[in-house]
């Protein structure tokens, strides 16, 4: 499935110098197609994070979007990595916690 917030990719056969320069310049500026966001589910302790870019060797780095989400950082963790998803574990709360993430690998 194509994502609407993705930056342009080169064809597997490469591209002309202008296309290559655009892609490289975007990477230098931090635009690398590896970000996303998720919210925890209320009154549960885990949920599935689904993203086609997740793989079995991925590392996910998260950024809390509010103070309640920041307070949760000590207890949040990821496991059960498969191609396209992983499980996020967190505390049981009445209000959802909101995060952005990057996927590496």
N, C-alpha and C. Protein backbone atom coordinates (compact mmCIF):
# COMPACT_ATOMS: atom_id res chain seq x y z
N UNK A 1 0.84 -1.17 0.00
CA UNK A 1 0.00 0.00 0.00
C UNK A 1 0.89 1.24 0.00
N UNK A 2 0.61 2.18 -0.87
CA UNK A 2 1.38 3.42 -0.95
C UNK A 2 0.95 4.37 0.15
N UNK A 3 1.92 5.05 0.72
CA UNK A 3 1.63 6.03 1.76
C UNK A 3 1.62 7.42 1.15
N UNK A 4 0.71 8.26 1.58
CA UNK A 4 0.60 9.60 1.01
C UNK A 4 1.67 10.56 1.53
N UNK A 5 2.31 10.22 2.65
CA UNK A 5 3.30 11.13 3.23
C UNK A 5 4.73 10.72 2.90
N UNK A 6 4.93 9.89 1.90
CA UNK A 6 6.25 9.41 1.54
C UNK A 6 6.93 10.36 0.56
N UNK A 7 8.25 10.41 0.66
CA UNK A 7 9.04 11.15 -0.31
C UNK A 7 9.33 10.26 -1.50
N UNK A 8 9.67 10.87 -2.60
CA UNK A 8 9.87 10.12 -3.83
C UNK A 8 11.03 9.13 -3.70
N UNK A 9 10.88 7.97 -4.33
CA UNK A 9 11.92 6.94 -4.40
C UNK A 9 12.44 6.87 -5.82
N UNK A 10 13.66 6.37 -5.95
CA UNK A 10 14.20 6.11 -7.28
C UNK A 10 13.71 4.75 -7.76
N UNK A 11 13.59 4.61 -9.06
CA UNK A 11 13.29 3.30 -9.64
C UNK A 11 14.46 2.37 -9.36
N UNK A 12 14.22 1.08 -9.35
CA UNK A 12 15.30 0.13 -9.04
C UNK A 12 16.42 0.21 -10.08
N UNK A 13 16.15 0.76 -11.25
CA UNK A 13 17.18 0.90 -12.29
C UNK A 13 17.96 2.19 -12.14
N UNK A 14 17.61 3.03 -11.16
CA UNK A 14 18.32 4.28 -10.93
C UNK A 14 17.54 5.46 -11.47
N UNK A 15 18.24 6.55 -11.72
CA UNK A 15 17.57 7.74 -12.22
C UNK A 15 18.58 8.68 -12.82
N UNK A 16 18.08 9.76 -13.39
CA UNK A 16 19.00 10.74 -13.97
C UNK A 16 19.64 11.54 -12.82
N UNK A 17 20.71 12.30 -13.10
CA UNK A 17 21.41 13.02 -12.03
C UNK A 17 20.52 13.95 -11.20
N UNK A 18 19.55 14.58 -11.82
CA UNK A 18 18.65 15.47 -11.08
C UNK A 18 17.81 14.69 -10.07
N UNK A 19 17.28 13.53 -10.47
CA UNK A 19 16.49 12.70 -9.56
C UNK A 19 17.35 12.20 -8.40
N UNK A 20 18.56 11.75 -8.71
CA UNK A 20 19.46 11.26 -7.66
C UNK A 20 19.77 12.39 -6.69
N UNK A 21 20.06 13.60 -7.21
CA UNK A 21 20.37 14.74 -6.34
C UNK A 21 19.19 15.07 -5.44
N UNK A 22 17.97 15.02 -5.96
CA UNK A 22 16.79 15.31 -5.14
C UNK A 22 16.66 14.32 -3.99
N UNK A 23 16.82 13.05 -4.31
CA UNK A 23 16.69 12.01 -3.28
C UNK A 23 17.79 12.16 -2.23
N UNK A 24 19.02 12.35 -2.65
CA UNK A 24 20.14 12.50 -1.71
C UNK A 24 19.96 13.76 -0.86
N UNK A 25 19.57 14.85 -1.47
CA UNK A 25 19.36 16.09 -0.70
C UNK A 25 18.24 15.92 0.32
N UNK A 26 17.18 15.23 -0.03
CA UNK A 26 16.11 14.96 0.94
C UNK A 26 16.64 14.13 2.10
N UNK A 27 17.46 13.13 1.83
CA UNK A 27 18.03 12.31 2.90
C UNK A 27 18.90 13.14 3.83
N UNK A 28 19.71 14.03 3.26
CA UNK A 28 20.57 14.90 4.06
C UNK A 28 19.72 15.80 4.96
N UNK A 29 18.53 16.17 4.51
CA UNK A 29 17.63 17.03 5.29
C UNK A 29 16.72 16.23 6.23
N UNK A 30 16.96 14.92 6.35
CA UNK A 30 16.21 14.10 7.29
C UNK A 30 14.91 13.54 6.78
N UNK A 31 14.66 13.64 5.51
CA UNK A 31 13.41 13.13 4.93
C UNK A 31 13.66 11.73 4.38
N UNK A 32 13.45 10.74 5.24
CA UNK A 32 13.86 9.39 4.88
C UNK A 32 12.76 8.34 4.91
N UNK A 33 11.51 8.75 4.85
CA UNK A 33 10.38 7.80 4.74
C UNK A 33 10.33 6.76 5.85
N UNK A 34 10.73 7.11 7.06
CA UNK A 34 10.71 6.11 8.13
C UNK A 34 9.98 6.58 9.38
N UNK A 35 9.00 7.47 9.23
CA UNK A 35 8.28 7.99 10.40
C UNK A 35 6.82 7.54 10.39
N UNK A 36 6.22 7.61 11.56
CA UNK A 36 4.81 7.28 11.70
C UNK A 36 4.31 7.74 13.06
N UNK A 37 3.07 7.43 13.38
CA UNK A 37 2.52 7.79 14.68
C UNK A 37 1.56 6.69 15.15
N UNK A 38 1.37 6.63 16.45
CA UNK A 38 0.41 5.68 17.00
C UNK A 38 -0.10 6.20 18.35
N UNK A 39 -1.24 5.70 18.74
CA UNK A 39 -1.82 5.98 20.05
C UNK A 39 -2.08 4.65 20.75
N UNK A 40 -1.88 4.63 22.06
CA UNK A 40 -2.18 3.42 22.81
C UNK A 40 -3.70 3.26 22.89
N UNK A 41 -4.13 2.04 23.12
CA UNK A 41 -5.55 1.74 23.25
C UNK A 41 -5.91 1.81 24.73
N UNK A 42 -7.01 2.49 25.04
CA UNK A 42 -7.41 2.64 26.44
C UNK A 42 -7.84 1.31 27.05
N UNK A 43 -7.59 1.17 28.34
CA UNK A 43 -7.98 0.01 29.15
C UNK A 43 -7.42 -1.32 28.62
N UNK A 44 -6.28 -1.26 27.95
CA UNK A 44 -5.56 -2.47 27.54
C UNK A 44 -4.09 -2.27 27.86
N UNK A 45 -3.30 -3.31 27.72
CA UNK A 45 -1.87 -3.20 28.01
C UNK A 45 -1.00 -3.50 26.80
N UNK A 46 -1.60 -3.75 25.63
CA UNK A 46 -0.81 -3.95 24.42
C UNK A 46 -1.69 -3.76 23.19
N UNK A 47 -1.04 -3.49 22.09
CA UNK A 47 -1.73 -3.41 20.81
C UNK A 47 -0.72 -3.69 19.71
N UNK A 48 -1.21 -3.89 18.51
CA UNK A 48 -0.35 -4.18 17.37
C UNK A 48 -0.08 -2.90 16.59
N UNK A 49 1.19 -2.64 16.36
CA UNK A 49 1.60 -1.53 15.50
C UNK A 49 1.83 -2.12 14.12
N UNK A 50 1.04 -1.70 13.15
CA UNK A 50 1.14 -2.23 11.80
C UNK A 50 1.73 -1.16 10.89
N UNK A 51 2.84 -1.49 10.25
CA UNK A 51 3.51 -0.58 9.32
C UNK A 51 4.32 -1.45 8.38
N UNK A 52 4.09 -1.32 7.08
CA UNK A 52 4.75 -2.17 6.10
C UNK A 52 6.27 -2.08 6.15
N UNK A 53 6.81 -1.05 6.77
CA UNK A 53 8.27 -0.87 6.84
C UNK A 53 8.91 -1.58 8.02
N UNK A 54 8.11 -2.11 8.95
CA UNK A 54 8.65 -2.85 10.09
C UNK A 54 9.10 -4.23 9.62
N UNK A 55 10.27 -4.65 10.09
CA UNK A 55 10.78 -5.98 9.81
C UNK A 55 11.23 -6.65 11.08
N UNK A 56 11.68 -7.90 10.98
CA UNK A 56 12.06 -8.66 12.16
C UNK A 56 13.28 -8.06 12.87
N UNK A 57 14.11 -7.30 12.18
CA UNK A 57 15.30 -6.69 12.77
C UNK A 57 15.16 -5.19 12.98
N UNK A 58 13.96 -4.66 12.89
CA UNK A 58 13.75 -3.22 13.03
C UNK A 58 13.97 -2.75 14.46
N UNK A 59 14.37 -1.49 14.57
CA UNK A 59 14.44 -0.78 15.84
C UNK A 59 13.45 0.37 15.73
N UNK A 60 12.62 0.54 16.74
CA UNK A 60 11.63 1.62 16.74
C UNK A 60 11.98 2.58 17.86
N UNK A 61 12.13 3.86 17.49
CA UNK A 61 12.42 4.92 18.44
C UNK A 61 11.18 5.80 18.53
N UNK A 62 10.72 6.07 19.75
CA UNK A 62 9.47 6.81 19.90
C UNK A 62 9.69 8.18 20.52
N UNK A 63 8.76 9.10 20.23
CA UNK A 63 8.75 10.44 20.80
C UNK A 63 7.35 10.69 21.34
N UNK A 64 7.22 10.94 22.64
CA UNK A 64 5.91 11.25 23.20
C UNK A 64 5.42 12.62 22.73
N UNK A 65 4.11 12.76 22.57
CA UNK A 65 3.54 14.01 22.08
C UNK A 65 2.89 14.85 23.17
N UNK A 66 2.90 14.38 24.42
CA UNK A 66 2.34 15.15 25.53
C UNK A 66 2.94 14.63 26.83
N UNK A 67 2.66 15.31 27.93
CA UNK A 67 3.28 14.94 29.21
C UNK A 67 2.82 13.58 29.72
N UNK A 68 1.56 13.21 29.50
CA UNK A 68 1.10 11.88 29.93
C UNK A 68 1.83 10.79 29.15
N UNK A 69 2.03 11.00 27.87
CA UNK A 69 2.76 10.02 27.05
C UNK A 69 4.21 9.94 27.50
N UNK A 70 4.81 11.07 27.85
CA UNK A 70 6.20 11.08 28.32
C UNK A 70 6.34 10.29 29.62
N UNK A 71 5.35 10.39 30.50
CA UNK A 71 5.39 9.66 31.77
C UNK A 71 5.34 8.15 31.55
N UNK A 72 4.83 7.71 30.43
CA UNK A 72 4.68 6.29 30.11
C UNK A 72 5.98 5.67 29.58
N UNK A 73 6.96 6.48 29.21
CA UNK A 73 8.16 5.98 28.53
C UNK A 73 8.88 4.87 29.30
N UNK A 74 8.86 4.91 30.62
CA UNK A 74 9.58 3.91 31.41
C UNK A 74 9.00 2.51 31.26
N UNK A 75 7.72 2.41 30.87
CA UNK A 75 7.10 1.09 30.82
C UNK A 75 6.71 0.63 29.42
N UNK A 76 6.99 1.42 28.39
CA UNK A 76 6.60 1.02 27.04
C UNK A 76 7.72 0.23 26.39
N UNK A 77 7.36 -0.86 25.70
CA UNK A 77 8.35 -1.63 24.96
C UNK A 77 7.69 -2.37 23.80
N UNK A 78 8.51 -2.85 22.88
CA UNK A 78 8.06 -3.50 21.65
C UNK A 78 8.59 -4.92 21.60
N UNK A 79 7.80 -5.86 21.08
CA UNK A 79 8.28 -7.22 20.83
C UNK A 79 7.46 -7.86 19.72
N UNK A 80 7.66 -9.14 19.49
CA UNK A 80 6.93 -9.92 18.47
C UNK A 80 7.01 -9.27 17.09
N UNK A 81 8.23 -8.91 16.68
CA UNK A 81 8.44 -8.29 15.37
C UNK A 81 8.26 -9.32 14.26
N UNK A 82 7.45 -8.97 13.28
CA UNK A 82 7.27 -9.74 12.06
C UNK A 82 7.34 -8.77 10.90
N UNK A 83 7.28 -9.29 9.69
CA UNK A 83 7.27 -8.38 8.55
C UNK A 83 5.96 -7.60 8.53
N UNK A 84 6.03 -6.30 8.79
CA UNK A 84 4.86 -5.45 8.73
C UNK A 84 4.19 -5.11 10.04
N UNK A 85 4.66 -5.67 11.17
CA UNK A 85 4.02 -5.34 12.44
C UNK A 85 4.88 -5.76 13.64
N UNK A 86 4.50 -5.24 14.80
CA UNK A 86 5.08 -5.65 16.08
C UNK A 86 4.04 -5.36 17.16
N UNK A 87 4.31 -5.84 18.36
CA UNK A 87 3.41 -5.61 19.48
C UNK A 87 4.00 -4.53 20.38
N UNK A 88 3.16 -3.57 20.78
CA UNK A 88 3.56 -2.50 21.69
C UNK A 88 2.91 -2.79 23.04
N UNK A 89 3.73 -2.80 24.10
CA UNK A 89 3.23 -3.03 25.47
C UNK A 89 3.33 -1.73 26.25
N UNK A 90 2.32 -1.46 27.09
CA UNK A 90 2.26 -0.20 27.83
C UNK A 90 1.34 -0.38 29.03
N UNK A 91 1.24 0.63 29.85
CA UNK A 91 0.37 0.58 31.03
C UNK A 91 -1.10 0.69 30.66
N UNK A 92 -1.96 0.25 31.58
CA UNK A 92 -3.40 0.30 31.41
C UNK A 92 -3.90 1.66 31.89
N UNK A 93 -4.44 2.48 30.97
CA UNK A 93 -4.88 3.83 31.31
C UNK A 93 -6.25 4.12 30.72
N UNK A 94 -6.93 5.09 31.32
CA UNK A 94 -8.24 5.52 30.83
C UNK A 94 -8.12 6.46 29.64
N UNK A 95 -6.94 7.07 29.46
CA UNK A 95 -6.73 7.99 28.34
C UNK A 95 -5.61 7.45 27.45
N UNK A 96 -5.79 7.59 26.17
CA UNK A 96 -4.77 7.12 25.22
C UNK A 96 -3.50 7.96 25.34
N UNK A 97 -2.37 7.34 25.04
CA UNK A 97 -1.07 8.02 24.98
C UNK A 97 -0.71 8.13 23.51
N UNK A 98 -0.07 9.23 23.12
CA UNK A 98 0.19 9.51 21.72
C UNK A 98 1.68 9.67 21.45
N UNK A 99 2.14 9.00 20.37
CA UNK A 99 3.56 8.98 20.05
C UNK A 99 3.79 9.13 18.55
N UNK A 100 4.95 9.61 18.21
CA UNK A 100 5.48 9.50 16.85
C UNK A 100 6.67 8.58 16.93
N UNK A 101 7.01 7.96 15.81
CA UNK A 101 8.12 7.02 15.83
C UNK A 101 8.92 7.07 14.53
N UNK A 102 10.14 6.53 14.63
CA UNK A 102 10.94 6.26 13.44
C UNK A 102 11.29 4.77 13.46
N UNK A 103 11.42 4.21 12.28
CA UNK A 103 11.82 2.82 12.13
C UNK A 103 13.21 2.82 11.52
N UNK A 104 14.12 2.09 12.14
CA UNK A 104 15.46 1.93 11.60
C UNK A 104 15.67 0.44 11.35
N UNK A 105 16.07 0.11 10.17
CA UNK A 105 16.36 -1.28 9.84
C UNK A 105 15.17 -2.08 9.40
